[in-house]
N, C-alpha and C. Protein backbone atom coordinates (compact mmCIF):
# COMPACT_ATOMS: atom_id res chain seq x y z
N MET A 1 100.26 85.22 133.23
CA MET A 1 100.78 85.35 134.65
C MET A 1 102.72 86.22 133.98
N LEU A 2 103.22 86.23 132.73
CA LEU A 2 104.85 87.14 132.86
C LEU A 2 104.40 88.15 133.07
N GLY A 3 103.02 88.74 132.31
CA GLY A 3 102.77 90.12 132.57
C GLY A 3 102.73 90.36 133.48
N PHE A 4 102.31 90.35 134.83
CA PHE A 4 102.01 90.79 136.13
C PHE A 4 104.17 90.26 136.47
N VAL A 5 105.28 89.63 136.51
CA VAL A 5 106.03 89.84 136.76
C VAL A 5 106.81 90.47 136.03
N VAL A 6 106.95 91.19 135.06
CA VAL A 6 107.28 92.04 134.63
C VAL A 6 107.27 93.37 134.60
N ALA A 7 105.86 93.53 135.15
CA ALA A 7 105.05 94.70 135.28
C ALA A 7 105.96 95.00 136.83
N TYR A 8 105.83 93.85 138.22
CA TYR A 8 106.11 94.22 139.36
C TYR A 8 107.13 94.53 139.24
N ASN A 9 108.45 94.11 138.60
CA ASN A 9 109.47 94.41 138.76
C ASN A 9 109.62 95.67 137.91
N LEU A 10 109.44 95.70 137.35
CA LEU A 10 109.14 97.39 136.72
C LEU A 10 108.69 98.70 137.94
N PHE A 11 107.51 98.23 138.42
CA PHE A 11 107.01 99.14 139.59
C PHE A 11 107.71 99.64 140.70
N PHE A 12 109.66 98.48 140.98
CA PHE A 12 110.14 99.26 141.73
C PHE A 12 111.86 100.29 141.57
N VAL A 13 111.67 99.89 139.83
CA VAL A 13 112.53 100.64 138.76
C VAL A 13 111.80 101.95 138.60
N ILE A 14 110.15 102.03 138.92
CA ILE A 14 109.50 103.55 138.34
C ILE A 14 109.63 103.88 140.17
N ALA A 15 109.20 103.33 141.09
CA ALA A 15 109.76 103.75 142.21
C ALA A 15 111.37 104.53 142.37
N ALA A 16 112.01 103.48 142.61
CA ALA A 16 113.52 104.05 142.98
C ALA A 16 113.77 105.27 141.45
N TYR A 17 113.41 105.65 140.52
CA TYR A 17 113.76 106.48 139.85
C TYR A 17 113.02 107.31 140.49
N PHE A 18 112.11 107.98 141.39
CA PHE A 18 111.27 108.74 142.06
C PHE A 18 111.58 108.78 142.86
N GLY A 19 112.14 108.30 143.68
CA GLY A 19 113.04 108.44 145.07
C GLY A 19 111.87 107.14 145.96
N ILE A 20 111.08 106.91 146.23
CA ILE A 20 110.62 106.71 146.88
C ILE A 20 111.18 104.87 147.10
N GLU A 21 111.24 105.31 148.57
CA GLU A 21 111.78 103.98 149.69
C GLU A 21 110.68 102.63 149.73
N SER A 22 111.43 101.55 149.81
CA SER A 22 109.81 100.12 149.98
C SER A 22 110.05 101.01 151.44
N ASP A 23 110.72 101.03 152.26
CA ASP A 23 110.73 100.97 153.89
C ASP A 23 110.05 102.17 154.57
N ALA A 24 110.02 102.76 153.81
CA ALA A 24 109.10 104.19 154.17
C ALA A 24 107.76 104.01 153.54
N PRO A 25 107.28 104.12 154.98
CA PRO A 25 105.60 105.29 154.74
C PRO A 25 105.08 105.95 153.52
N LEU A 26 104.44 105.32 152.95
CA LEU A 26 104.01 106.06 151.45
C LEU A 26 103.63 108.38 152.19
N ARG A 27 102.77 107.97 152.80
CA ARG A 27 102.09 109.10 153.66
C ARG A 27 103.51 110.48 154.28
N SER A 28 104.84 109.47 154.05
CA SER A 28 105.97 110.79 154.30
C SER A 28 106.43 111.17 152.84
N TYR A 29 105.53 110.99 151.56
CA TYR A 29 105.92 111.33 150.37
C TYR A 29 104.53 112.62 149.97
N GLY A 30 105.24 113.24 148.81
CA GLY A 30 104.06 114.89 148.13
C GLY A 30 103.49 114.11 147.81
N HIS A 31 102.30 114.07 148.37
CA HIS A 31 100.54 113.32 147.40
C HIS A 31 100.67 113.36 145.61
N VAL A 32 101.19 114.30 145.02
CA VAL A 32 101.60 114.50 143.63
C VAL A 32 102.18 113.76 143.39
N LEU A 33 103.52 113.34 144.43
CA LEU A 33 104.77 112.47 143.81
C LEU A 33 104.01 110.64 143.90
N VAL A 34 103.12 110.68 144.54
CA VAL A 34 102.19 109.15 144.97
C VAL A 34 101.45 109.14 144.04
N ILE A 35 100.54 110.23 143.50
CA ILE A 35 99.25 110.12 142.26
C ILE A 35 100.06 109.58 141.15
N THR A 36 101.40 109.93 141.07
CA THR A 36 102.35 110.38 139.54
C THR A 36 102.57 108.75 139.50
N VAL A 37 103.37 108.52 140.69
CA VAL A 37 103.78 106.75 140.73
C VAL A 37 102.70 105.77 140.46
N PHE A 38 102.06 105.87 141.23
CA PHE A 38 100.88 105.06 141.03
C PHE A 38 100.07 104.91 139.36
N THR A 39 99.47 105.93 139.22
CA THR A 39 99.39 106.40 137.29
C THR A 39 100.75 106.04 136.44
N LEU A 40 101.58 105.98 136.64
CA LEU A 40 102.60 104.84 135.85
C LEU A 40 102.51 103.51 136.09
N CYS A 41 102.64 103.35 137.48
CA CYS A 41 102.55 101.62 138.03
C CYS A 41 101.40 101.07 137.11
N PHE A 42 100.52 101.90 137.77
CA PHE A 42 99.13 101.79 136.44
C PHE A 42 98.86 101.28 134.64
N PHE A 43 99.63 101.95 134.08
CA PHE A 43 99.49 102.39 132.67
C PHE A 43 100.34 101.02 132.68
N THR A 44 102.00 100.99 133.31
CA THR A 44 102.83 99.88 132.87
C THR A 44 102.22 98.76 132.78
N LEU A 45 101.08 98.57 134.36
CA LEU A 45 100.61 97.24 134.15
C LEU A 45 99.26 96.85 133.26
N LEU A 46 98.78 97.85 132.60
CA LEU A 46 98.31 97.78 131.75
C LEU A 46 99.37 97.60 130.54
N LEU A 47 99.75 97.87 129.75
CA LEU A 47 100.68 98.01 129.42
C LEU A 47 101.79 96.48 129.07
N SER A 48 101.92 95.99 129.80
CA SER A 48 102.95 94.65 130.16
C SER A 48 101.88 93.40 129.77
N LEU A 49 100.54 93.50 130.12
CA LEU A 49 99.67 92.63 130.43
C LEU A 49 99.16 92.95 128.76
N TYR A 50 98.99 93.37 128.23
CA TYR A 50 98.96 94.08 127.02
C TYR A 50 100.25 93.26 125.68
N ILE A 51 100.93 93.54 125.75
CA ILE A 51 102.15 92.97 125.55
C ILE A 51 102.36 91.40 125.15
N PHE A 52 102.15 91.20 126.43
CA PHE A 52 101.81 89.72 126.78
C PHE A 52 101.31 89.17 126.03
N CYS A 53 100.06 89.58 126.45
CA CYS A 53 98.72 88.33 125.66
C CYS A 53 99.32 88.96 123.88
N VAL A 54 99.39 90.02 123.73
CA VAL A 54 99.85 89.63 122.15
C VAL A 54 101.17 88.71 121.51
N LEU A 55 101.94 88.59 122.58
CA LEU A 55 103.40 87.14 122.53
C LEU A 55 102.59 86.31 122.53
N SER A 56 101.37 85.80 123.62
CA SER A 56 101.36 84.74 123.50
C SER A 56 100.11 84.16 122.43
N GLY A 57 99.74 85.55 122.19
CA GLY A 57 98.63 85.36 121.16
C GLY A 57 99.31 84.99 119.43
N ALA A 58 100.10 85.52 119.95
CA ALA A 58 101.33 85.67 118.13
C ALA A 58 101.83 84.68 118.10
N VAL A 59 102.47 83.88 119.08
CA VAL A 59 103.18 82.25 119.31
C VAL A 59 101.93 80.95 118.48
N TYR A 60 100.43 81.42 119.28
CA TYR A 60 99.74 80.32 119.55
C TYR A 60 99.05 80.45 118.13
N PHE A 61 98.62 81.71 117.95
CA PHE A 61 98.25 81.42 116.31
C PHE A 61 98.84 81.73 115.17
N GLY A 62 100.10 81.94 115.31
CA GLY A 62 101.25 81.74 114.14
C GLY A 62 101.57 80.90 113.47
N ILE A 63 100.95 79.19 114.43
CA ILE A 63 101.05 78.14 114.14
C ILE A 63 100.37 77.85 112.96
N LYS A 64 99.07 78.36 113.38
CA LYS A 64 98.04 78.56 112.69
C LYS A 64 97.46 78.95 111.59
N LEU A 65 98.56 80.00 111.96
CA LEU A 65 98.98 80.99 110.15
C LEU A 65 99.65 80.07 109.71
N LYS A 66 101.06 79.31 110.12
CA LYS A 66 101.44 78.08 108.99
C LYS A 66 101.27 77.31 108.49
N LYS A 67 99.98 77.01 109.29
CA LYS A 67 99.37 75.46 108.78
C LYS A 67 98.29 76.12 108.09
N GLY A 68 97.92 77.64 107.10
CA GLY A 68 97.03 77.39 106.82
C GLY A 68 95.84 77.66 106.85
N HIS A 69 94.92 78.19 108.55
CA HIS A 69 94.07 78.04 108.34
C HIS A 69 93.73 78.74 109.01
N LEU A 70 94.52 80.78 109.07
CA LEU A 70 94.29 81.69 109.38
C LEU A 70 95.10 82.40 107.48
N SER A 71 94.55 83.02 107.79
CA SER A 71 94.79 83.91 106.39
C SER A 71 96.19 85.41 107.67
N LYS A 72 96.30 85.97 106.37
CA LYS A 72 97.63 87.40 107.06
C LYS A 72 96.15 88.43 108.32
N GLN A 73 95.79 88.51 107.37
CA GLN A 73 94.79 89.78 107.62
C GLN A 73 94.15 89.59 109.09
N GLU A 74 93.63 88.14 109.54
CA GLU A 74 92.71 87.68 110.14
C GLU A 74 93.59 87.15 111.54
N PHE A 75 95.19 86.87 110.99
CA PHE A 75 95.45 86.62 112.10
C PHE A 75 96.16 87.89 112.70
N ILE A 76 96.22 89.40 112.20
CA ILE A 76 96.25 90.21 112.57
C ILE A 76 95.33 90.80 113.31
N ASN A 77 94.22 90.70 113.09
CA ASN A 77 93.16 90.89 113.33
C ASN A 77 92.95 90.06 115.07
N ILE A 78 93.30 88.92 115.59
CA ILE A 78 92.94 88.19 116.30
C ILE A 78 94.20 89.03 117.21
N VAL A 79 95.46 88.74 116.95
CA VAL A 79 96.26 88.37 117.52
C VAL A 79 96.12 90.20 118.40
N LEU A 80 96.50 91.51 117.77
CA LEU A 80 96.72 92.53 117.69
C LEU A 80 95.23 93.67 118.61
N LYS A 81 93.49 93.07 118.07
CA LYS A 81 92.46 93.15 118.10
C LYS A 81 91.63 92.53 119.19
N GLY A 82 91.96 91.64 118.75
CA GLY A 82 90.81 90.30 119.32
C GLY A 82 89.25 90.00 118.54
N VAL A 83 89.28 90.75 117.52
CA VAL A 83 88.26 90.50 116.91
C VAL A 83 89.13 88.92 116.13
N TYR A 84 88.06 87.85 115.69
CA TYR A 84 88.13 86.43 116.07
C TYR A 84 87.16 86.28 113.84
N PRO A 85 87.33 85.94 113.66
CA PRO A 85 86.64 85.47 111.67
C PRO A 85 85.16 85.65 112.07
N GLN A 86 84.51 86.15 111.61
CA GLN A 86 82.76 85.53 111.22
C GLN A 86 82.70 83.98 110.50
N ARG A 87 84.30 83.88 110.21
CA ARG A 87 83.61 82.28 110.26
C ARG A 87 83.57 81.23 111.68
N TRP A 88 84.15 81.61 112.36
CA TRP A 88 84.34 81.14 113.77
C TRP A 88 83.28 81.73 114.37
N GLN A 89 82.08 82.55 114.42
CA GLN A 89 81.07 82.80 115.07
C GLN A 89 79.83 82.06 113.86
N LYS A 90 79.72 81.60 113.21
CA LYS A 90 78.70 81.04 112.97
C LYS A 90 77.94 80.31 113.32
N GLY A 91 78.40 79.43 114.66
CA GLY A 91 77.29 78.85 115.69
C GLY A 91 76.60 80.11 116.65
N LEU A 92 77.26 81.31 116.17
CA LEU A 92 76.11 81.69 117.88
C LEU A 92 75.26 82.39 117.69
């Protein structure tokens, strides 16, 4: 949820940088400008969601790393790649 909040606020910064006003209709701007801003906002949303998923995973699994339940390599694989250890998947 925090990733959405940050991305939403960044959308306004991106729009202001390109000179798009929030009270003007988008059809009054060029198609290339609108597509560029939309693309930047989409990638900003993806990046923001990934960063905050990594941060929340680092906090949660960092506790397990400190307690010794995970190795450092398993921690990196879980947090950055989303790959869980094979020993957790034996029941599948």
